[in-house]
Amino acid sequence: MANRQKMYIKMVTSSLIRRASRLIIAVLAIAIGATILSGLVTIYYDIPEQLGREFRSYGANLIILPRGEAKITHETLDSLKNLIGINKLVGIAPYRYQTVKINEQPYIIAGTDLDQAQKNSPFWYIEGSWADSRENLQVMIGHEIAQTLNLNLGDSFTVQGVKYGEQAQASGQNLSAVENQKRDLARQNFHKSFTVKGIVSTGGAEEGFIFADIDMLNELIGDTFRADVIECSVIADSQELEKIASKIENDLPDLQPRAVRRLTQSQDIVLGKLQALVLLVTVVVLIITMTTMMAMVAERRREIALKKALGAENKFVMSELLGEGVLLGFIGGALGVWLGFEFAQRVSLNVFGRAINFQWALIPITIIIFIAITVMASIIPVRKVMDIHPAIVLKGE
């Protein structure tokens, strides 16, 4: 049995070696098909994440509001992060809005986590640079405010506001009610000077806000951390985002999540069209690869007929061709997996500007698929030849 197997392997390999030029053509045909297949499948599985991250550059897709009189605290923010999942979060920025006065005119300071806000809103055009949360006296102002107050980068301006919960104590002194009230009012007012680090232009409502670090704002008004809204940028399609929103409502009843459906629906539409295109191209490539292999096997009609005329049994001829098909499929499929990953990597870097991860499961899947293609491509034309008398084929009829 061992000798027969060795003889069979030697026969298959020698047959391929004798036809070196055809072998190269066959391997290249299979490798090209495998390259496109593995490359497109890699892109197919990587597109949702890459496209999700790309759409995240258009802003937050999940808004969290407090329900009723509830407050969003640090503990609430940490619970929300754990519930959504750090691996799905591009950014999560709490916002607190406080009215202040500049030159006796009312303006709104938006206190936020500046680092997270930058991750949520990379589309903002910033003249200058983003303010640093570690530099409390530096803020960003909207383009409208900059024009109204004639402020430029590096300029300073003073805001006036009222602190919360600052009640003066008499400290043992006998003060009249009027004097005590005046003292309370004096202690509750604050003045703070800020420096313009950046000017925000978005074409939207953001141009009418002053953006500062939320911890600095809380300290300024004498209150603990409290957010009015949380903007989340989550890598998820519309269905997954709805599940996350439902989970937040169930586990954190004090919060009211709202999905920004316009963004998620646009993402789903683009993703669906791209995936359909990838699937269509993959099917076409498989069909072309199979027909190419069938044509190459069909060209060997005279060789097959000659073997039959010399006494070779159908089973013997079929096993030889199937063995060649398995070997060609293995070589071409293995080569195509490597080339396909390089192809997918180039596409991802050029289109999305990000590298992709190699899908190890593609190695056996691609090889098995192309072994099956070469085997099927061998069986169909060989069966047609075997139904014909060798003499007829050798005569060229």
Protein backbone atom coordinates (compact mmCIF):
# COMPACT_ATOMS: atom_id res chain seq x y z
CA MET A 1 0.00 0.00 0.00
CA ALA A 2 2.86 2.38 0.89
CA ASN A 3 4.57 1.69 -2.46
CA ARG A 4 1.36 2.42 -4.32
CA GLN A 5 0.97 5.73 -2.52
CA LYS A 6 4.56 6.70 -3.25
CA MET A 7 4.08 5.77 -6.88
CA TYR A 8 0.86 7.80 -7.04
CA ILE A 9 2.51 10.90 -5.54
CA LYS A 10 5.50 10.53 -7.87
CA MET A 11 3.18 10.20 -10.86
CA VAL A 12 1.19 13.32 -9.94
CA THR A 13 4.26 15.47 -9.24
CA SER A 14 6.12 14.30 -12.35
CA SER A 15 3.06 15.04 -14.46
CA LEU A 16 3.00 18.59 -13.17
CA ILE A 17 6.76 19.02 -13.58
CA ARG A 18 6.62 17.88 -17.21
CA ARG A 19 4.06 20.58 -17.84
CA ALA A 20 5.96 23.34 -15.99
CA SER A 21 4.60 26.18 -18.11
CA ARG A 22 1.00 25.03 -17.67
CA LEU A 23 1.69 24.46 -13.98
CA ILE A 24 2.80 28.07 -13.56
CA ILE A 25 -0.27 29.34 -15.42
CA ALA A 26 -2.58 27.17 -13.31
CA VAL A 27 -0.97 28.22 -10.03
CA LEU A 28 -1.11 31.89 -11.04
CA ALA A 29 -4.79 31.59 -12.02
CA ILE A 30 -5.62 30.00 -8.69
CA ALA A 31 -3.39 32.41 -6.74
CA ILE A 32 -5.04 35.44 -8.37
CA GLY A 33 -8.48 34.13 -7.50
CA ALA A 34 -7.37 33.25 -3.96
CA THR A 35 -5.75 36.68 -3.56
CA ILE A 36 -8.92 38.51 -4.49
CA LEU A 37 -11.10 36.15 -2.45
CA SER A 38 -9.02 36.27 0.74
CA GLY A 39 -8.39 40.00 0.34
CA LEU A 40 -12.06 40.84 -0.13
CA VAL A 41 -13.14 38.54 2.70
CA THR A 42 -10.57 40.19 4.98
CA ILE A 43 -11.91 43.59 3.99
CA TYR A 44 -15.48 42.29 4.37
CA TYR A 45 -14.92 41.34 8.00
CA ASP A 46 -12.84 44.42 8.74
CA ILE A 47 -15.11 46.96 7.02
CA PRO A 48 -17.68 47.27 9.85
CA GLU A 49 -15.03 48.29 12.39
CA GLN A 50 -13.08 50.47 9.98
CA LEU A 51 -16.22 52.11 8.64
CA GLY A 52 -17.57 52.53 12.17
CA ARG A 53 -14.40 54.33 13.21
CA GLU A 54 -14.53 56.45 10.06
CA PHE A 55 -18.12 57.52 10.79
CA ARG A 56 -17.10 58.40 14.32
CA SER A 57 -15.25 61.38 12.87
CA TYR A 58 -18.70 62.89 12.20
CA GLY A 59 -19.52 63.20 15.90
CA ALA A 60 -21.19 61.34 18.74
CA ASN A 61 -23.88 58.80 17.92
CA LEU A 62 -25.27 58.27 21.44
CA ILE A 63 -26.49 61.06 23.73
CA ILE A 64 -27.08 60.39 27.44
CA LEU A 65 -29.37 62.70 29.43
CA PRO A 66 -30.30 62.58 33.13
CA ARG A 67 -33.88 61.53 33.80
CA GLY A 68 -35.93 63.96 35.89
CA GLU A 69 -33.93 65.47 38.76
CA ALA A 70 -31.18 62.84 38.57
CA LYS A 71 -27.54 63.95 38.46
CA ILE A 72 -24.74 62.52 36.36
CA THR A 73 -21.81 61.98 38.71
CA HIS A 74 -18.34 60.46 38.35
CA GLU A 75 -19.79 57.12 39.51
CA THR A 76 -22.49 57.33 36.82
CA LEU A 77 -19.87 58.06 34.18
CA ASP A 78 -17.72 55.07 35.26
CA SER A 79 -20.77 52.77 35.25
CA LEU A 80 -21.66 53.97 31.77
CA LYS A 81 -18.15 53.24 30.46
CA ASN A 82 -18.24 49.70 31.84
CA LEU A 83 -21.73 49.12 30.45
CA ILE A 84 -20.87 50.21 26.90
CA GLY A 85 -17.42 48.62 26.91
CA ILE A 86 -14.09 50.41 26.64
CA ASN A 87 -13.25 48.58 23.40
CA LYS A 88 -16.36 50.05 21.71
CA LEU A 89 -15.85 53.62 22.91
CA VAL A 90 -14.03 56.09 20.72
CA GLY A 91 -14.82 58.92 23.12
CA ILE A 92 -17.16 59.73 26.01
CA ALA A 93 -17.41 63.41 26.92
CA PRO A 94 -19.55 64.79 29.75
CA TYR A 95 -20.77 68.39 29.33
CA ARG A 96 -21.85 70.89 31.96
CA TYR A 97 -23.25 74.25 30.89
CA GLN A 98 -22.94 77.37 33.02
CA THR A 99 -24.04 80.92 32.25
CA VAL A 100 -21.47 83.65 32.91
CA LYS A 101 -21.10 87.31 31.98
CA ILE A 102 -18.46 88.98 29.85
CA ASN A 103 -18.73 92.78 29.74
CA GLU A 104 -22.15 92.38 31.37
CA GLN A 105 -23.35 90.21 28.47
CA PRO A 106 -24.42 86.56 29.06
CA TYR A 107 -22.40 83.72 27.57
CA ILE A 108 -22.31 79.98 28.19
CA ILE A 109 -19.28 78.01 29.32
CA ALA A 110 -19.37 74.36 28.29
CA GLY A 111 -17.26 72.40 30.75
CA THR A 112 -16.12 69.04 29.38
CA ASP A 113 -13.36 66.48 29.30
CA LEU A 114 -11.36 68.17 26.55
CA ASP A 115 -9.41 65.06 25.58
CA GLN A 116 -12.59 63.02 25.13
CA ALA A 117 -14.35 65.87 23.34
CA GLN A 118 -11.50 65.96 20.82
CA LYS A 119 -11.96 62.22 20.18
CA ASN A 120 -15.71 62.73 19.70
CA SER A 121 -15.39 65.75 17.43
CA PRO A 122 -12.30 65.52 15.20
CA PHE A 123 -14.23 67.38 12.50
CA TRP A 124 -14.09 70.65 14.48
CA TYR A 125 -11.82 73.18 12.83
CA ILE A 126 -9.63 74.68 15.54
CA GLU A 127 -7.65 77.83 14.87
CA GLY A 128 -4.77 77.49 17.27
CA SER A 129 -5.01 74.25 19.23
CA TRP A 130 -7.20 72.32 21.63
CA ALA A 131 -7.05 73.56 25.22
CA ASP A 132 -5.24 71.31 27.65
CA SER A 133 -7.21 70.09 30.68
CA ARG A 134 -4.04 70.49 32.77
CA GLU A 135 -3.90 74.21 31.98
CA ASN A 136 -6.93 75.59 33.80
CA LEU A 137 -6.65 79.17 32.58
CA GLN A 138 -6.69 78.24 28.90
CA VAL A 139 -9.99 77.79 27.04
CA MET A 140 -11.39 77.56 23.53
CA ILE A 141 -14.01 79.99 22.29
CA GLY A 142 -16.48 79.74 19.45
CA HIS A 143 -15.96 81.70 16.26
CA GLU A 144 -19.05 83.87 16.94
CA ILE A 145 -17.78 84.86 20.40
CA ALA A 146 -14.34 85.65 18.98
CA GLN A 147 -15.91 88.00 16.42
CA THR A 148 -18.29 89.63 18.91
CA LEU A 149 -15.62 90.29 21.54
CA ASN A 150 -12.82 90.85 18.99
CA LEU A 151 -10.67 88.15 20.60
CA ASN A 152 -7.67 86.51 18.97
CA LEU A 153 -5.36 83.66 19.94
CA GLY A 154 -3.44 84.46 23.11
CA ASP A 155 -5.84 87.23 24.20
CA SER A 156 -7.22 87.25 27.75
CA PHE A 157 -10.77 87.99 28.86
CA THR A 158 -12.58 88.03 32.20
CA VAL A 159 -15.78 86.19 33.04
CA GLN A 160 -18.09 86.95 35.95
CA GLY A 161 -20.37 84.42 37.62
CA VAL A 162 -21.98 83.24 40.81
CA LYS A 163 -20.76 80.44 43.01
CA TYR A 164 -23.07 77.77 44.41
CA GLY A 165 -23.50 77.06 48.09
CA GLU A 166 -21.23 79.84 49.36
CA GLN A 167 -22.87 81.05 52.54
CA ALA A 168 -20.87 83.45 54.70
CA GLN A 169 -20.64 82.78 58.40
CA ALA A 170 -20.54 85.49 61.01
CA SER A 171 -17.60 83.76 62.69
CA GLY A 172 -18.64 85.05 66.06
CA GLN A 173 -19.07 88.62 64.88
CA ASN A 174 -22.35 90.45 65.49
CA LEU A 175 -23.35 91.49 61.97
CA SER A 176 -26.73 92.88 61.06
CA ALA A 177 -28.91 90.94 58.59
CA VAL A 178 -28.28 93.51 55.85
CA GLU A 179 -24.50 93.41 56.38
CA ASN A 180 -24.55 89.58 56.40
CA GLN A 181 -26.52 89.51 53.13
CA LYS A 182 -24.09 91.93 51.49
CA ARG A 183 -21.20 89.76 52.63
CA ASP A 184 -22.88 86.65 51.23
CA LEU A 185 -23.39 88.31 47.87
CA ALA A 186 -19.81 89.53 47.78
CA ARG A 187 -18.46 86.06 48.45
CA GLN A 188 -20.76 84.42 45.90
CA ASN A 189 -19.60 86.52 42.96
CA PHE A 190 -16.42 85.50 41.16
CA HIS A 191 -14.21 86.94 38.46
CA LYS A 192 -11.85 84.78 36.42
CA SER A 193 -9.47 85.61 33.60
CA PHE A 194 -8.90 83.10 30.78
CA THR A 195 -6.56 82.92 27.81
CA VAL A 196 -7.77 81.97 24.32
CA LYS A 197 -5.96 78.78 23.28
CA GLY A 198 -8.15 77.96 20.29
CA ILE A 199 -11.05 79.31 18.23
CA VAL A 200 -13.72 76.74 17.27
CA SER A 201 -15.40 76.78 13.86
CA THR A 202 -18.04 74.15 13.11
CA GLY A 203 -20.85 75.99 11.33
CA GLY A 204 -23.11 74.96 14.22
CA ALA A 205 -24.11 75.88 17.76
CA GLU A 206 -20.60 75.16 19.08
CA GLU A 207 -19.47 78.54 17.73
CA GLY A 208 -21.46 80.24 20.50
CA PHE A 209 -19.83 78.46 23.47
CA ILE A 210 -16.71 78.80 25.59
CA PHE A 211 -15.11 75.37 26.09
CA ALA A 212 -13.21 74.71 29.29
CA ASP A 213 -12.17 71.79 31.47
CA ILE A 214 -15.17 70.50 33.42
CA ASP A 215 -13.24 70.04 36.69
CA MET A 216 -12.02 73.61 36.50
CA LEU A 217 -15.60 74.80 35.92
CA ASN A 218 -16.89 72.80 38.89
CA GLU A 219 -14.20 74.29 41.10
CA LEU A 220 -14.92 77.75 39.79
CA ILE A 221 -18.62 77.65 40.67
CA GLY A 222 -18.00 75.79 43.94
CA ASP A 223 -19.90 72.62 43.08
CA THR A 224 -19.10 68.92 42.84
CA PHE A 225 -18.90 67.10 39.51
CA ARG A 226 -22.22 67.14 37.69
CA ALA A 227 -22.86 66.76 33.97
CA ASP A 228 -25.92 67.95 32.08
CA VAL A 229 -25.36 65.59 29.16
CA ILE A 230 -22.90 62.95 28.00
CA GLU A 231 -21.92 62.56 24.37
CA CYS A 232 -20.69 59.08 23.41
CA SER A 233 -19.01 57.98 20.21
CA VAL A 234 -19.61 54.22 20.00
CA ILE A 235 -18.41 51.76 17.35
CA ALA A 236 -21.71 50.02 16.57
CA ASP A 237 -24.33 49.71 13.85
CA SER A 238 -27.93 50.81 14.42
CA GLN A 239 -29.11 47.49 15.84
CA GLU A 240 -26.19 47.15 18.22
CA LEU A 241 -26.57 50.79 19.28
CA GLU A 242 -30.25 50.23 20.09
CA LYS A 243 -29.29 47.23 22.23
CA ILE A 244 -26.75 49.34 24.11
CA ALA A 245 -29.36 52.06 24.66
CA SER A 246 -31.87 49.50 25.98
CA LYS A 247 -29.24 48.04 28.30
CA ILE A 248 -28.45 51.51 29.68
CA GLU A 249 -32.14 52.17 30.35
CA ASN A 250 -32.50 48.86 32.19
CA ASP A 251 -29.28 48.99 34.24
CA LEU A 252 -29.08 52.75 34.82
CA PRO A 253 -32.69 53.95 35.18
CA ASP A 254 -31.59 57.51 36.07
CA LEU A 255 -30.25 57.95 32.54
CA GLN A 256 -32.09 58.50 29.28
CA PRO A 257 -30.07 57.36 26.21
CA ARG A 258 -30.86 58.68 22.75
CA ALA A 259 -29.26 57.24 19.63
CA VAL A 260 -28.42 59.67 16.83
CA ARG A 261 -30.17 57.64 14.14
CA ARG A 262 -29.16 59.86 11.24
CA LEU A 263 -25.52 58.86 11.68
CA THR A 264 -26.12 55.17 12.38
CA GLN A 265 -28.57 54.77 9.49
CA SER A 266 -26.12 56.38 7.07
CA GLN A 267 -23.43 54.02 8.33
CA ASP A 268 -25.69 50.99 7.83
CA ILE A 269 -26.61 52.04 4.27
CA VAL A 270 -22.98 52.50 3.22
CA LEU A 271 -21.92 49.30 4.99
CA GLY A 272 -24.70 47.27 3.34
CA LYS A 273 -23.76 48.48 -0.15
CA LEU A 274 -20.06 47.80 0.39
CA GLN A 275 -20.69 44.31 1.74
CA ALA A 276 -23.03 43.50 -1.17
CA LEU A 277 -20.37 44.71 -3.61
CA VAL A 278 -17.69 42.58 -1.93
CA LEU A 279 -19.96 39.53 -2.02
CA LEU A 280 -20.78 40.03 -5.71
CA VAL A 281 -17.12 40.45 -6.69
CA THR A 282 -16.17 37.36 -4.67
CA VAL A 283 -18.78 35.22 -6.45
CA VAL A 284 -17.66 36.51 -9.86
CA VAL A 285 -14.00 35.76 -9.04
CA LEU A 286 -14.84 32.22 -7.96
CA ILE A 287 -16.79 31.60 -11.16
CA ILE A 288 -13.99 32.99 -13.34
CA THR A 289 -11.36 30.93 -11.52
CA MET A 290 -13.40 27.77 -11.90
CA THR A 291 -14.10 28.30 -15.61
CA THR A 292 -10.40 29.04 -16.20
CA MET A 293 -9.42 25.77 -14.54
CA MET A 294 -12.10 23.87 -16.46
CA ALA A 295 -10.74 25.25 -19.74
CA MET A 296 -7.19 24.21 -18.82
CA VAL A 297 -8.30 20.68 -17.95
CA ALA A 298 -10.41 20.43 -21.10
CA GLU A 299 -7.30 21.15 -23.18
CA ARG A 300 -5.96 17.79 -22.01
CA ARG A 301 -8.68 15.82 -23.79
CA ARG A 302 -6.20 14.18 -26.17
CA GLU A 303 -3.86 13.28 -23.30
CA ILE A 304 -6.73 11.69 -21.37
CA ALA A 305 -7.94 9.85 -24.46
CA LEU A 306 -4.43 8.55 -25.13
CA LYS A 307 -4.16 7.19 -21.60
CA LYS A 308 -7.46 5.42 -22.02
CA ALA A 309 -6.37 4.01 -25.37
CA LEU A 310 -3.27 2.60 -23.66
CA GLY A 311 -5.46 0.81 -21.15
CA ALA A 312 -5.76 3.24 -18.26
CA GLU A 313 -8.96 2.84 -16.32
CA ASN A 314 -11.32 5.74 -15.75
CA LYS A 315 -10.71 5.49 -12.02
CA PHE A 316 -6.95 5.77 -12.53
CA VAL A 317 -7.22 8.83 -14.81
CA MET A 318 -9.69 10.50 -12.50
CA SER A 319 -7.54 9.96 -9.40
CA GLU A 320 -4.48 11.40 -11.17
CA LEU A 321 -6.32 14.55 -12.22
CA LEU A 322 -7.89 14.96 -8.80
CA GLY A 323 -4.47 14.61 -7.20
CA GLU A 324 -3.11 17.32 -9.48
CA GLY A 325 -6.10 19.51 -8.64
CA VAL A 326 -5.57 19.11 -4.89
CA LEU A 327 -1.88 20.00 -5.21
CA LEU A 328 -2.57 23.01 -7.42
CA GLY A 329 -5.36 24.20 -5.13
CA PHE A 330 -3.10 23.91 -2.09
CA ILE A 331 -0.19 25.80 -3.65
CA GLY A 332 -2.34 28.52 -5.26
CA GLY A 333 -4.57 28.90 -2.19
CA ALA A 334 -1.63 29.23 0.22
CA LEU A 335 0.03 31.80 -2.04
CA GLY A 336 -3.24 33.67 -2.44
CA VAL A 337 -3.81 33.97 1.31
CA TRP A 338 -0.52 35.81 1.76
CA LEU A 339 -1.02 38.02 -1.30
CA GLY A 340 -4.66 38.64 -0.30
CA PHE A 341 -3.66 39.98 3.10
CA GLU A 342 -1.15 42.32 1.47
CA PHE A 343 -3.89 43.46 -0.93
CA ALA A 344 -6.36 44.07 1.91
CA GLN A 345 -3.70 45.86 3.96
CA ARG A 346 -2.98 48.26 1.10
CA VAL A 347 -6.67 48.97 0.55
CA SER A 348 -7.27 49.61 4.25
CA LEU A 349 -4.26 51.91 4.58
CA ASN A 350 -5.14 53.92 1.46
CA VAL A 351 -8.89 54.17 2.14
CA PHE A 352 -9.14 54.25 5.94
CA GLY A 353 -5.57 55.08 6.95
CA ARG A 354 -5.50 52.14 9.37
CA ALA A 355 -3.86 48.72 9.39
CA ILE A 356 -5.93 45.55 9.66
CA ASN A 357 -5.42 42.34 11.56
CA PHE A 358 -4.63 39.08 9.80
CA GLN A 359 -7.50 36.59 9.89
CA TRP A 360 -5.82 33.25 10.65
CA ALA A 361 -9.00 31.34 9.91
CA LEU A 362 -8.67 32.41 6.27
CA ILE A 363 -5.67 30.11 5.72
CA PRO A 364 -7.54 26.77 5.95
CA ILE A 365 -10.78 28.22 4.55
CA THR A 366 -9.15 29.66 1.41
CA ILE A 367 -7.04 26.56 0.77
CA ILE A 368 -10.05 24.25 1.17
CA ILE A 369 -12.19 26.43 -1.12
CA PHE A 370 -9.64 26.44 -3.92
CA ILE A 371 -8.88 22.75 -3.56
CA ALA A 372 -12.61 22.19 -3.98
CA ILE A 373 -12.67 24.52 -7.02
CA THR A 374 -9.79 22.76 -8.75
CA VAL A 375 -11.28 19.34 -8.01
CA MET A 376 -14.68 20.36 -9.37
CA ALA A 377 -13.02 22.00 -12.37
CA SER A 378 -11.24 18.71 -13.08
CA ILE A 379 -14.23 16.42 -12.61
CA ILE A 380 -16.67 18.14 -14.98
CA PRO A 381 -14.58 18.13 -18.22
CA VAL A 382 -12.98 14.74 -17.49
CA ARG A 383 -16.39 13.10 -17.16
CA LYS A 384 -17.35 14.49 -20.56
CA VAL A 385 -14.16 13.12 -22.12
CA MET A 386 -14.54 9.73 -20.50
CA ASP A 387 -17.97 9.30 -22.03
CA ILE A 388 -16.40 9.58 -25.50
CA HIS A 389 -14.52 6.80 -27.23
CA PRO A 390 -10.71 7.47 -27.24
CA ALA A 391 -10.45 6.91 -30.98
CA ILE A 392 -12.95 9.68 -31.69
CA VAL A 393 -11.05 12.15 -29.50
CA LEU A 394 -7.66 11.21 -30.97
CA LYS A 395 -9.03 11.70 -34.49
CA GLY A 396 -9.88 15.27 -33.48
CA GLU A 397 -13.65 14.87 -33.77
